[in-house]
């Protein structure tokens, strides 16, 4: 049987490596993004994955793996932005950004461990296209929560939806790159 925790950590390490390289190249330019813009960026990535799954071809030289990595990284950016608020400029050092990235990646891992225990590795029997659809559903839920300005009656918050999107994207990446 595969060790989900190790596989999860390996995927997060690969995502973090790309995040770190982009931090070097661009700084924390994403700090200017308001949470709704992060949600829209996640939507663009998930919608492109679905489009590629349906069409079966890509005219841009990036496939679904790169897009799922982007969902992990933008999901973690979203959690950072929810915690810190958005800024008017790049106001965060690489070390601080990576520290916050690691903090929220651990929170997502802990959530995955708890849910994986309760759901008994059900994600392994799912199709990658289902992860895409679930991410899109979480995005539509997030947009609705944003429209309601966070005033929900029974729903989890935006942060919980971001964490679920991260975890679904990690599951897809495990299936696409490690199995």
C-alpha atoms as a PDB file:
ATOM      1  CA  UNK A   1       0.000   0.000   0.000  1.00  0.00           C
ATOM      2  CA  UNK A   2       1.194   3.502  -0.785  1.00  0.00           C
ATOM      3  CA  UNK A   3       2.134   5.844   2.036  1.00  0.00           C
ATOM      4  CA  UNK A   4      -0.167   8.786   1.477  1.00  0.00           C
ATOM      5  CA  UNK A   5       1.604  11.041   3.970  1.00  0.00           C
ATOM      6  CA  UNK A   6       4.980  10.591   2.250  1.00  0.00           C
ATOM      7  CA  UNK A   7       3.421  11.027  -1.189  1.00  0.00           C
ATOM      8  CA  UNK A   8       1.640  14.181  -0.033  1.00  0.00           C
ATOM      9  CA  UNK A   9       4.870  15.616   1.379  1.00  0.00           C
ATOM     10  CA  UNK A  10       6.761  14.791  -1.821  1.00  0.00           C
ATOM     11  CA  UNK A  11       4.175  16.658  -3.917  1.00  0.00           C
ATOM     12  CA  UNK A  12       4.193  19.636  -1.546  1.00  0.00           C
ATOM     13  CA  UNK A  13       8.014  19.716  -1.730  1.00  0.00           C
ATOM     14  CA  UNK A  14       7.845  19.895  -5.544  1.00  0.00           C
ATOM     15  CA  UNK A  15       5.211  22.655  -5.375  1.00  0.00           C
ATOM     16  CA  UNK A  16       7.276  24.539  -2.783  1.00  0.00           C
ATOM     17  CA  UNK A  17      10.380  24.318  -4.978  1.00  0.00           C
ATOM     18  CA  UNK A  18       8.533  26.035  -7.818  1.00  0.00           C
ATOM     19  CA  UNK A  19       7.002  28.577  -5.404  1.00  0.00           C
ATOM     20  CA  UNK A  20      10.485  29.371  -4.059  1.00  0.00           C
ATOM     21  CA  UNK A  21      11.929  29.828  -7.552  1.00  0.00           C
ATOM     22  CA  UNK A  22       9.095  32.174  -8.494  1.00  0.00           C
ATOM     23  CA  UNK A  23       9.646  34.098  -5.248  1.00  0.00           C
ATOM     24  CA  UNK A  24      13.248  34.580  -6.336  1.00  0.00           C
ATOM     25  CA  UNK A  25      12.243  35.746  -9.811  1.00  0.00           C
ATOM     26  CA  UNK A  26       9.186  37.868  -8.959  1.00  0.00           C
ATOM     27  CA  UNK A  27       9.309  38.490  -5.229  1.00  0.00           C
ATOM     28  CA  UNK A  28       5.980  38.290  -3.435  1.00  0.00           C
ATOM     29  CA  UNK A  29       4.153  40.278  -6.136  1.00  0.00           C
ATOM     30  CA  UNK A  30       1.066  38.162  -5.359  1.00  0.00           C
ATOM     31  CA  UNK A  31       0.711  40.129  -2.105  1.00  0.00           C
ATOM     32  CA  UNK A  32      -1.355  42.710  -4.016  1.00  0.00           C
ATOM     33  CA  UNK A  33      -4.038  40.128  -4.807  1.00  0.00           C
ATOM     34  CA  UNK A  34      -7.257  40.528  -2.892  1.00  0.00           C
ATOM     35  CA  UNK A  35      -8.818  37.202  -1.862  1.00  0.00           C
ATOM     36  CA  UNK A  36     -11.417  37.385  -4.643  1.00  0.00           C
ATOM     37  CA  UNK A  37      -8.601  37.688  -7.190  1.00  0.00           C
ATOM     38  CA  UNK A  38      -6.908  34.601  -5.742  1.00  0.00           C
ATOM     39  CA  UNK A  39     -10.201  32.750  -6.086  1.00  0.00           C
ATOM     40  CA  UNK A  40     -10.491  33.875  -9.710  1.00  0.00           C
ATOM     41  CA  UNK A  41      -6.917  32.764 -10.419  1.00  0.00           C
ATOM     42  CA  UNK A  42      -7.714  29.351  -8.949  1.00  0.00           C
ATOM     43  CA  UNK A  43     -10.842  29.256 -11.122  1.00  0.00           C
ATOM     44  CA  UNK A  44      -8.786  29.967 -14.259  1.00  0.00           C
ATOM     45  CA  UNK A  45      -6.420  27.091 -13.445  1.00  0.00           C
ATOM     46  CA  UNK A  46      -9.182  24.600 -12.630  1.00  0.00           C
ATOM     47  CA  UNK A  47     -11.225  25.611 -15.657  1.00  0.00           C
ATOM     48  CA  UNK A  48      -8.191  25.103 -17.907  1.00  0.00           C
ATOM     49  CA  UNK A  49      -7.670  21.612 -16.467  1.00  0.00           C
ATOM     50  CA  UNK A  50     -11.287  20.746 -17.191  1.00  0.00           C
ATOM     51  CA  UNK A  51     -10.997  22.166 -20.693  1.00  0.00           C
ATOM     52  CA  UNK A  52      -7.893  20.064 -21.361  1.00  0.00           C
ATOM     53  CA  UNK A  53      -9.594  16.960 -19.957  1.00  0.00           C
ATOM     54  CA  UNK A  54     -12.609  17.479 -22.219  1.00  0.00           C
ATOM     55  CA  UNK A  55     -10.721  18.506 -25.370  1.00  0.00           C
ATOM     56  CA  UNK A  56      -7.815  16.114 -24.924  1.00  0.00           C
ATOM     57  CA  UNK A  57      -5.346  18.567 -26.466  1.00  0.00           C
ATOM     58  CA  UNK A  58      -3.459  21.690 -25.448  1.00  0.00           C
ATOM     59  CA  UNK A  59      -2.295  24.583 -27.608  1.00  0.00           C
ATOM     60  CA  UNK A  60      -0.155  26.014 -24.772  1.00  0.00           C
ATOM     61  CA  UNK A  61       2.945  24.116 -23.690  1.00  0.00           C
ATOM     62  CA  UNK A  62       1.738  23.421 -20.148  1.00  0.00           C
ATOM     63  CA  UNK A  63      -0.363  20.474 -19.138  1.00  0.00           C
ATOM     64  CA  UNK A  64      -2.565  19.508 -16.236  1.00  0.00           C
ATOM     65  CA  UNK A  65       0.361  18.732 -13.909  1.00  0.00           C
ATOM     66  CA  UNK A  66       1.526  22.348 -14.038  1.00  0.00           C
ATOM     67  CA  UNK A  67      -2.021  23.571 -13.461  1.00  0.00           C
ATOM     68  CA  UNK A  68      -2.571  21.319 -10.435  1.00  0.00           C
ATOM     69  CA  UNK A  69       0.739  22.602  -9.021  1.00  0.00           C
ATOM     70  CA  UNK A  70      -0.568  26.137  -9.570  1.00  0.00           C
ATOM     71  CA  UNK A  71      -3.759  25.241  -7.680  1.00  0.00           C
ATOM     72  CA  UNK A  72      -1.697  24.033  -4.722  1.00  0.00           C
ATOM     73  CA  UNK A  73       0.437  27.177  -4.760  1.00  0.00           C
ATOM     74  CA  UNK A  74      -2.422  29.646  -5.293  1.00  0.00           C
ATOM     75  CA  UNK A  75      -4.438  27.838  -2.627  1.00  0.00           C
ATOM     76  CA  UNK A  76      -1.586  28.368  -0.179  1.00  0.00           C
ATOM     77  CA  UNK A  77      -1.246  31.984  -1.329  1.00  0.00           C
ATOM     78  CA  UNK A  78      -4.959  32.374  -0.658  1.00  0.00           C
ATOM     79  CA  UNK A  79      -4.548  31.104   2.894  1.00  0.00           C
ATOM     80  CA  UNK A  80      -1.628  33.479   3.423  1.00  0.00           C
ATOM     81  CA  UNK A  81      -3.688  36.379   2.078  1.00  0.00           C
ATOM     82  CA  UNK A  82      -6.618  35.500   4.338  1.00  0.00           C
ATOM     83  CA  UNK A  83      -4.252  35.527   7.318  1.00  0.00           C
ATOM     84  CA  UNK A  84      -2.219  38.612   6.423  1.00  0.00           C
ATOM     85  CA  UNK A  85      -4.584  40.622   4.275  1.00  0.00           C
ATOM     86  CA  UNK A  86      -3.559  41.952   0.898  1.00  0.00           C
ATOM     87  CA  UNK A  87      -0.914  44.658   0.488  1.00  0.00           C
ATOM     88  CA  UNK A  88      -0.485  47.623  -1.817  1.00  0.00           C
ATOM     89  CA  UNK A  89       2.958  46.331  -2.880  1.00  0.00           C
ATOM     90  CA  UNK A  90       5.332  43.430  -2.468  1.00  0.00           C
ATOM     91  CA  UNK A  91       5.871  43.745   1.280  1.00  0.00           C
ATOM     92  CA  UNK A  92       7.046  40.266   2.256  1.00  0.00           C
ATOM     93  CA  UNK A  93      10.523  38.758   2.329  1.00  0.00           C
ATOM     94  CA  UNK A  94      11.180  35.401   0.720  1.00  0.00           C
ATOM     95  CA  UNK A  95      11.870  33.896   4.149  1.00  0.00           C
ATOM     96  CA  UNK A  96       8.559  35.140   5.567  1.00  0.00           C
ATOM     97  CA  UNK A  97       6.629  33.962   2.504  1.00  0.00           C
ATOM     98  CA  UNK A  98       8.220  30.505   2.688  1.00  0.00           C
ATOM     99  CA  UNK A  99       7.564  30.313   6.422  1.00  0.00           C
ATOM    100  CA  UNK A 100       3.877  31.076   5.881  1.00  0.00           C
ATOM    101  CA  UNK A 101       3.767  28.656   2.930  1.00  0.00           C
ATOM    102  CA  UNK A 102       5.157  25.907   5.187  1.00  0.00           C
ATOM    103  CA  UNK A 103       2.730  26.759   7.975  1.00  0.00           C
ATOM    104  CA  UNK A 104      -0.339  26.473   5.749  1.00  0.00           C
ATOM    105  CA  UNK A 105       0.991  23.414   3.903  1.00  0.00           C
ATOM    106  CA  UNK A 106       1.235  21.682   7.289  1.00  0.00           C
ATOM    107  CA  UNK A 107      -2.343  22.694   8.131  1.00  0.00           C
ATOM    108  CA  UNK A 108      -3.479  21.205   4.790  1.00  0.00           C
ATOM    109  CA  UNK A 109      -1.467  18.027   5.475  1.00  0.00           C
ATOM    110  CA  UNK A 110      -2.993  17.663   8.937  1.00  0.00           C
ATOM    111  CA  UNK A 111      -6.477  18.099   7.463  1.00  0.00           C
ATOM    112  CA  UNK A 112      -5.725  15.510   4.779  1.00  0.00           C
ATOM    113  CA  UNK A 113      -4.511  13.038   7.443  1.00  0.00           C
ATOM    114  CA  UNK A 114      -7.716  13.444   9.449  1.00  0.00           C
ATOM    115  CA  UNK A 115     -10.006  13.164   6.432  1.00  0.00           C
ATOM    116  CA  UNK A 116      -7.978  10.322   4.930  1.00  0.00           C
ATOM    117  CA  UNK A 117      -8.390   8.406   8.181  1.00  0.00           C
ATOM    118  CA  UNK A 118     -12.147   8.925   8.166  1.00  0.00           C
ATOM    119  CA  UNK A 119     -12.636   8.298   4.437  1.00  0.00           C
ATOM    120  CA  UNK A 120     -10.193   5.354   4.361  1.00  0.00           C
ATOM    121  CA  UNK A 121      -8.177   6.384   1.280  1.00  0.00           C
ATOM    122  CA  UNK A 122     -11.307   6.676  -0.897  1.00  0.00           C
ATOM    123  CA  UNK A 123      -9.484   9.295  -2.998  1.00  0.00           C
ATOM    124  CA  UNK A 124      -7.366   6.524  -4.549  1.00  0.00           C
ATOM    125  CA  UNK A 125     -10.444   5.086  -6.306  1.00  0.00           C
ATOM    126  CA  UNK A 126     -11.482   8.442  -7.725  1.00  0.00           C
ATOM    127  CA  UNK A 127     -10.796   9.691 -11.233  1.00  0.00           C
ATOM    128  CA  UNK A 128      -8.611  12.752 -11.739  1.00  0.00           C
ATOM    129  CA  UNK A 129     -11.501  14.414 -13.563  1.00  0.00           C
ATOM    130  CA  UNK A 130     -13.526  14.121 -10.350  1.00  0.00           C
ATOM    131  CA  UNK A 131     -10.858  16.075  -8.460  1.00  0.00           C
ATOM    132  CA  UNK A 132     -11.145  18.759 -11.142  1.00  0.00           C
ATOM    133  CA  UNK A 133     -14.926  18.894 -10.773  1.00  0.00           C
ATOM    134  CA  UNK A 134     -14.701  18.984  -6.980  1.00  0.00           C
ATOM    135  CA  UNK A 135     -12.188  21.835  -7.137  1.00  0.00           C
ATOM    136  CA  UNK A 136     -14.508  23.748  -9.468  1.00  0.00           C
ATOM    137  CA  UNK A 137     -17.439  23.112  -7.130  1.00  0.00           C
ATOM    138  CA  UNK A 138     -15.370  24.409  -4.192  1.00  0.00           C
ATOM    139  CA  UNK A 139     -14.532  27.481  -6.263  1.00  0.00           C
ATOM    140  CA  UNK A 140     -18.191  28.204  -6.963  1.00  0.00           C
ATOM    141  CA  UNK A 141     -18.906  27.770  -3.255  1.00  0.00           C
ATOM    142  CA  UNK A 142     -16.031  30.125  -2.421  1.00  0.00           C
ATOM    143  CA  UNK A 143     -17.323  32.733  -4.861  1.00  0.00           C
ATOM    144  CA  UNK A 144     -20.754  32.517  -3.226  1.00  0.00           C
ATOM    145  CA  UNK A 145     -19.237  32.937   0.247  1.00  0.00           C
ATOM    146  CA  UNK A 146     -17.300  35.946  -1.054  1.00  0.00           C
ATOM    147  CA  UNK A 147     -20.523  37.408  -2.487  1.00  0.00           C
ATOM    148  CA  UNK A 148     -22.098  36.935   0.945  1.00  0.00           C
ATOM    149  CA  UNK A 149     -19.059  38.679   2.459  1.00  0.00           C
ATOM    150  CA  UNK A 150     -18.419  35.603   4.592  1.00  0.00           C
ATOM    151  CA  UNK A 151     -21.862  35.730   6.228  1.00  0.00           C
ATOM    152  CA  UNK A 152     -22.932  32.091   5.901  1.00  0.00           C
ATOM    153  CA  UNK A 153     -25.514  30.174   7.894  1.00  0.00           C
ATOM    154  CA  UNK A 154     -23.936  26.711   8.109  1.00  0.00           C
ATOM    155  CA  UNK A 155     -21.032  26.577   5.690  1.00  0.00           C
ATOM    156  CA  UNK A 156     -17.329  26.334   6.311  1.00  0.00           C
ATOM    157  CA  UNK A 157     -15.332  29.390   5.430  1.00  0.00           C
ATOM    158  CA  UNK A 158     -13.178  30.290   2.478  1.00  0.00           C
ATOM    159  CA  UNK A 159     -10.102  28.872   4.209  1.00  0.00           C
ATOM    160  CA  UNK A 160     -11.668  25.404   4.447  1.00  0.00           C
ATOM    161  CA  UNK A 161     -12.527  25.498   0.742  1.00  0.00           C
ATOM    162  CA  UNK A 162      -8.960  26.538  -0.157  1.00  0.00           C
ATOM    163  CA  UNK A 163      -7.595  23.643   1.916  1.00  0.00           C
ATOM    164  CA  UNK A 164      -9.905  21.152   0.226  1.00  0.00           C
ATOM    165  CA  UNK A 165      -8.812  22.462  -3.201  1.00  0.00           C
ATOM    166  CA  UNK A 166      -5.167  22.068  -2.196  1.00  0.00           C
ATOM    167  CA  UNK A 167      -5.763  18.516  -1.046  1.00  0.00           C
ATOM    168  CA  UNK A 168      -7.688  17.511  -4.172  1.00  0.00           C
ATOM    169  CA  UNK A 169      -4.895  18.968  -6.317  1.00  0.00           C
ATOM    170  CA  UNK A 170      -2.286  17.050  -4.312  1.00  0.00           C
ATOM    171  CA  UNK A 171      -4.243  13.824  -4.788  1.00  0.00           C
ATOM    172  CA  UNK A 172      -4.345  14.478  -8.533  1.00  0.00           C
ATOM    173  CA  UNK A 173      -0.595  15.145  -8.573  1.00  0.00           C
ATOM    174  CA  UNK A 174       0.097  11.931  -6.670  1.00  0.00           C
ATOM    175  CA  UNK A 175      -1.902   9.995  -9.258  1.00  0.00           C
ATOM    176  CA  UNK A 176      -0.341  11.844 -12.202  1.00  0.00           C
ATOM    177  CA  UNK A 177       3.288  11.764 -11.065  1.00  0.00           C
ATOM    178  CA  UNK A 178       3.787   8.943  -8.563  1.00  0.00           C
ATOM    179  CA  UNK A 179       1.492   6.095  -9.534  1.00  0.00           C
END
